[in-house]
N, C-alpha and C. Protein backbone atom coordinates (compact mmCIF):
# COMPACT_ATOMS: atom_id res chain seq x y z
N MET A 1 -14.37 35.09 -7.75
CA MET A 1 -13.51 34.13 -8.13
C MET A 1 -14.18 32.84 -8.05
N THR A 2 -13.88 32.03 -9.02
CA THR A 2 -14.56 30.91 -9.17
C THR A 2 -13.61 29.76 -8.22
N LYS A 3 -14.13 28.42 -8.18
CA LYS A 3 -13.14 27.34 -7.42
C LYS A 3 -11.83 27.38 -8.16
N THR A 4 -12.02 27.08 -9.62
CA THR A 4 -11.24 26.83 -10.40
C THR A 4 -10.16 27.58 -10.51
N ASP A 5 -10.40 29.01 -10.56
CA ASP A 5 -9.54 30.22 -10.18
C ASP A 5 -8.87 29.97 -9.19
N ILE A 6 -9.25 29.46 -7.91
CA ILE A 6 -8.64 29.38 -6.76
C ILE A 6 -7.51 28.19 -6.66
N TYR A 7 -8.66 27.09 -7.26
CA TYR A 7 -7.35 25.95 -7.60
C TYR A 7 -6.07 26.32 -8.33
N ASN A 8 -6.48 26.87 -9.27
CA ASN A 8 -5.14 27.37 -10.33
C ASN A 8 -4.28 28.44 -9.66
N THR A 9 -4.74 29.03 -8.95
CA THR A 9 -3.39 30.20 -7.96
C THR A 9 -3.12 29.39 -6.58
N ASP A 10 -3.91 28.30 -5.89
CA ASP A 10 -3.45 27.89 -4.84
C ASP A 10 -2.87 26.42 -4.70
N TYR A 11 -2.90 25.89 -5.64
CA TYR A 11 -2.44 24.03 -6.03
C TYR A 11 -1.03 24.12 -5.47
N THR A 12 -0.33 24.86 -5.90
CA THR A 12 1.00 24.96 -5.54
C THR A 12 1.48 24.85 -4.07
N LYS A 13 0.67 26.01 -3.71
CA LYS A 13 0.82 26.15 -2.19
C LYS A 13 0.22 25.06 -1.25
N LEU A 14 -0.51 24.57 -1.57
CA LEU A 14 -1.12 23.36 -0.95
C LEU A 14 -0.39 22.05 -1.23
N ASN A 15 0.07 21.84 -2.19
CA ASN A 15 1.03 20.57 -2.47
C ASN A 15 2.55 20.75 -1.60
N HIS A 16 2.67 22.23 -1.60
CA HIS A 16 3.96 22.22 -0.84
C HIS A 16 3.52 22.11 0.72
N ALA A 17 2.57 22.62 1.24
CA ALA A 17 2.35 22.27 2.45
C ALA A 17 2.07 20.77 2.81
N TYR A 18 1.78 20.38 1.54
CA TYR A 18 1.51 18.52 2.05
C TYR A 18 2.83 18.16 2.13
N ILE A 19 4.11 18.68 1.41
CA ILE A 19 5.22 17.83 1.53
C ILE A 19 5.97 18.21 2.51
N GLU A 20 5.74 19.73 3.35
CA GLU A 20 6.12 20.24 4.56
C GLU A 20 5.64 18.79 5.46
N ILE A 21 4.38 18.86 5.53
CA ILE A 21 3.65 18.23 6.62
C ILE A 21 4.51 16.77 6.58
N CYS A 22 4.61 15.98 5.02
CA CYS A 22 5.24 14.56 5.29
C CYS A 22 6.67 14.61 5.64
N ASP A 23 7.60 15.56 5.32
CA ASP A 23 8.86 15.63 5.76
C ASP A 23 9.04 16.03 7.00
N THR A 24 7.92 16.74 7.95
CA THR A 24 7.75 16.62 9.24
C THR A 24 7.34 15.34 9.90
N TYR A 25 6.45 14.59 9.19
CA TYR A 25 6.18 13.16 9.59
C TYR A 25 7.06 12.42 9.79
N LYS A 26 7.99 12.41 8.60
CA LYS A 26 9.20 11.15 8.75
C LYS A 26 10.14 11.75 9.68
N LYS A 27 10.71 12.74 9.71
CA LYS A 27 11.48 13.11 10.93
C LYS A 27 10.92 12.61 12.24
N LEU A 28 9.62 13.07 12.88
CA LEU A 28 8.84 12.66 14.01
C LEU A 28 9.21 11.35 14.03
N ALA A 29 8.56 10.41 13.29
CA ALA A 29 8.56 9.12 13.09
C ALA A 29 10.01 8.26 13.54
N GLU A 30 10.93 9.03 13.31
CA GLU A 30 12.25 8.60 13.68
C GLU A 30 12.71 9.00 15.11
N ALA A 31 12.14 9.93 15.40
CA ALA A 31 12.52 10.53 16.79
C ALA A 31 12.18 9.40 17.68
N PRO A 32 13.04 9.15 18.79
CA PRO A 32 13.05 7.98 19.76
C PRO A 32 11.98 8.29 20.90
N ASP A 33 11.29 9.71 21.03
CA ASP A 33 10.45 10.08 21.86
C ASP A 33 8.93 10.48 21.09
N ALA A 34 9.14 10.23 20.15
CA ALA A 34 7.95 10.68 18.90
C ALA A 34 6.42 10.27 19.97
N ASP A 35 5.87 11.60 19.63
CA ASP A 35 4.48 11.36 20.28
C ASP A 35 3.43 10.60 19.13
N GLU A 36 3.04 9.32 19.55
CA GLU A 36 1.99 8.43 18.50
C GLU A 36 0.79 9.34 18.40
N GLU A 37 0.15 10.54 18.93
CA GLU A 37 -1.19 10.70 18.70
C GLU A 37 -0.62 12.02 17.89
N VAL A 38 0.46 12.61 17.71
CA VAL A 38 0.65 13.45 16.83
C VAL A 38 1.17 13.02 15.50
N LEU A 39 1.88 11.69 15.32
CA LEU A 39 2.21 10.87 14.33
C LEU A 39 0.75 10.52 13.70
N MET A 40 -0.31 9.93 14.62
CA MET A 40 -1.45 9.41 13.95
C MET A 40 -2.15 10.55 13.24
N VAL A 41 -2.35 11.88 13.80
CA VAL A 41 -2.81 13.08 12.99
C VAL A 41 -2.13 13.45 12.37
N LEU A 42 -1.21 13.69 11.92
CA LEU A 42 -0.02 14.12 10.74
C LEU A 42 -0.58 12.82 9.94
N ALA A 43 -0.45 11.51 9.71
CA ALA A 43 -0.79 10.48 9.28
C ALA A 43 -1.97 10.63 8.48
N SER A 44 -2.87 11.13 9.22
CA SER A 44 -4.39 11.04 8.62
C SER A 44 -4.66 12.28 7.94
N ILE A 45 -4.11 13.53 8.03
CA ILE A 45 -3.91 14.50 7.45
C ILE A 45 -3.49 14.50 6.00
N LEU A 46 -2.12 13.17 5.86
CA LEU A 46 -1.94 13.29 4.48
C LEU A 46 -2.72 11.87 3.81
N GLN A 47 -3.21 11.25 4.44
CA GLN A 47 -3.93 10.37 3.99
C GLN A 47 -5.13 11.15 3.32
N VAL A 48 -5.85 12.02 3.92
CA VAL A 48 -6.92 12.66 3.37
C VAL A 48 -6.45 13.76 2.31
N PHE A 49 -5.44 14.40 2.62
CA PHE A 49 -5.07 15.25 1.79
C PHE A 49 -4.37 15.04 0.29
N ASN A 50 -3.87 13.84 0.54
CA ASN A 50 -3.30 13.31 -1.00
C ASN A 50 -4.58 13.42 -2.32
N PRO A 51 -5.58 12.44 -2.02
CA PRO A 51 -6.67 12.46 -2.92
C PRO A 51 -7.26 13.80 -3.10
N THR A 52 -7.23 14.79 -2.26
CA THR A 52 -7.86 16.26 -2.22
C THR A 52 -7.09 16.88 -3.17
N LEU A 53 -5.89 16.61 -3.21
CA LEU A 53 -4.94 17.33 -3.93
C LEU A 53 -4.98 16.84 -5.57
N ASP A 54 -5.14 15.62 -5.35
CA ASP A 54 -5.51 14.80 -7.01
C ASP A 54 -6.61 15.69 -7.52
N LYS A 55 -7.72 15.71 -6.84
CA LYS A 55 -9.23 15.89 -7.12
C LYS A 55 -8.82 17.56 -7.61
N ILE A 56 -8.23 18.34 -7.11
CA ILE A 56 -8.04 19.82 -7.17
C ILE A 56 -7.31 19.87 -8.47
N LYS A 57 -6.13 19.11 -8.81
CA LYS A 57 -5.34 19.26 -9.69
C LYS A 57 -6.11 18.83 -11.10
N SER A 58 -6.96 17.83 -10.64
CA SER A 58 -7.83 17.58 -12.05
C SER A 58 -8.82 18.36 -12.48
N GLU A 59 -9.26 19.28 -11.76
CA GLU A 59 -9.94 20.32 -11.98
C GLU A 59 -9.48 21.62 -12.28
N MET A 60 -8.03 21.67 -12.45
CA MET A 60 -7.49 23.06 -12.70
C MET A 60 -7.31 23.07 -14.30
N THR A 61 -7.21 24.41 -14.74
CA THR A 61 -7.21 24.63 -15.98
C THR A 61 -5.79 25.27 -16.73
N VAL A 62 -5.01 25.53 -15.87
CA VAL A 62 -3.46 25.49 -15.90
C VAL A 62 -2.64 24.47 -15.49
N LYS A 63 -1.61 24.15 -16.28
CA LYS A 63 -0.67 23.07 -15.96
C LYS A 63 0.26 23.52 -14.32
N THR A 64 0.42 22.47 -13.70
CA THR A 64 1.44 22.79 -12.69
C THR A 64 2.69 22.58 -13.54
N ARG A 65 3.94 22.62 -12.35
CA ARG A 65 5.43 22.46 -12.84
C ARG A 65 5.56 20.54 -12.64
N PHE A 66 4.65 20.20 -12.32
CA PHE A 66 4.83 18.60 -12.15
C PHE A 66 5.20 17.88 -13.40
N LYS A 67 6.42 17.33 -13.09
CA LYS A 67 7.05 16.73 -14.36
C LYS A 67 6.69 15.37 -14.53
N ASP A 68 5.42 15.18 -15.35
CA ASP A 68 4.98 13.76 -15.66
C ASP A 68 5.79 12.87 -16.15
N SER A 69 6.68 13.37 -17.06
CA SER A 69 7.61 12.44 -18.14
C SER A 69 8.79 12.00 -17.43
N ASP A 70 8.94 12.21 -16.06
CA ASP A 70 9.92 11.77 -15.35
C ASP A 70 10.20 10.47 -14.66
N ALA A 71 11.05 9.85 -13.85
CA ALA A 71 10.88 8.78 -13.21
C ALA A 71 9.58 8.86 -12.67
N PRO A 72 9.03 7.76 -12.33
CA PRO A 72 7.82 7.65 -11.50
C PRO A 72 7.86 8.56 -10.29
N VAL A 73 6.87 9.09 -9.55
CA VAL A 73 6.63 9.63 -8.58
C VAL A 73 7.39 8.70 -7.05
N ASP A 74 8.10 9.17 -6.23
CA ASP A 74 8.43 8.21 -5.38
C ASP A 74 7.27 8.03 -4.20
N LYS A 75 7.10 6.86 -3.53
CA LYS A 75 6.17 6.81 -2.70
C LYS A 75 6.75 5.75 -1.73
N GLU A 76 5.91 5.96 -0.28
CA GLU A 76 6.30 5.16 0.66
C GLU A 76 5.18 4.60 1.47
N ILE A 77 5.10 3.53 1.98
CA ILE A 77 4.02 3.48 2.99
C ILE A 77 4.70 4.12 4.52
N GLY A 78 3.66 4.53 5.18
CA GLY A 78 3.81 5.28 6.16
C GLY A 78 3.72 4.10 7.34
N ALA A 79 3.91 4.50 8.53
CA ALA A 79 3.53 3.80 9.88
C ALA A 79 2.53 2.97 9.67
N ASN A 80 1.39 4.08 9.52
CA ASN A 80 -0.02 3.58 9.70
C ASN A 80 -0.64 2.87 8.50
N GLY A 81 0.26 2.55 7.26
CA GLY A 81 0.19 1.94 6.30
C GLY A 81 -0.37 2.67 5.05
N GLU A 82 -0.44 4.05 5.54
CA GLU A 82 -0.68 5.05 4.22
C GLU A 82 0.37 5.52 3.34
N VAL A 83 -0.21 5.72 2.30
CA VAL A 83 0.65 5.83 0.82
C VAL A 83 1.14 7.15 0.95
N ILE A 84 2.51 7.51 1.20
CA ILE A 84 2.98 8.99 0.94
C ILE A 84 3.65 9.07 -0.23
N PHE A 85 3.26 10.21 -1.19
CA PHE A 85 3.66 10.21 -2.65
C PHE A 85 5.02 11.48 -2.23
N HIS A 86 5.98 11.76 -3.00
CA HIS A 86 7.03 12.15 -3.14
C HIS A 86 7.10 12.99 -4.82
N PRO A 87 6.29 13.96 -5.00
CA PRO A 87 6.30 14.17 -6.27
C PRO A 87 7.67 14.98 -6.92
N LYS A 88 8.08 14.98 -7.97
CA LYS A 88 9.18 15.25 -8.29
C LYS A 88 8.85 16.98 -9.36
N PHE A 89 9.46 18.07 -8.58
CA PHE A 89 9.36 19.06 -9.48
C PHE A 89 10.16 19.62 -10.00
N CYS A 90 10.04 20.68 -11.31
CA CYS A 90 11.50 21.20 -12.16
C CYS A 90 12.44 21.78 -10.86
């Protein structure tokens, strides 16, 4: 199996994992007893994971279910200044 084959089959799973991490981060950030160390690690993961997903997507040979024609991707600035993207899926 080539890297492109793996990208084609696993991109959606990786992207969903990113969204789950992002959702957990947002919930934890609102908790009154949030652990700053955990928040910092999750923010770091998101900051590194996002451009990696972009690179994987750019090398895929199949289309994703991502709808580029809809409204722009929602994005927010996280607690540590990272940009968090929320793509819209079908």
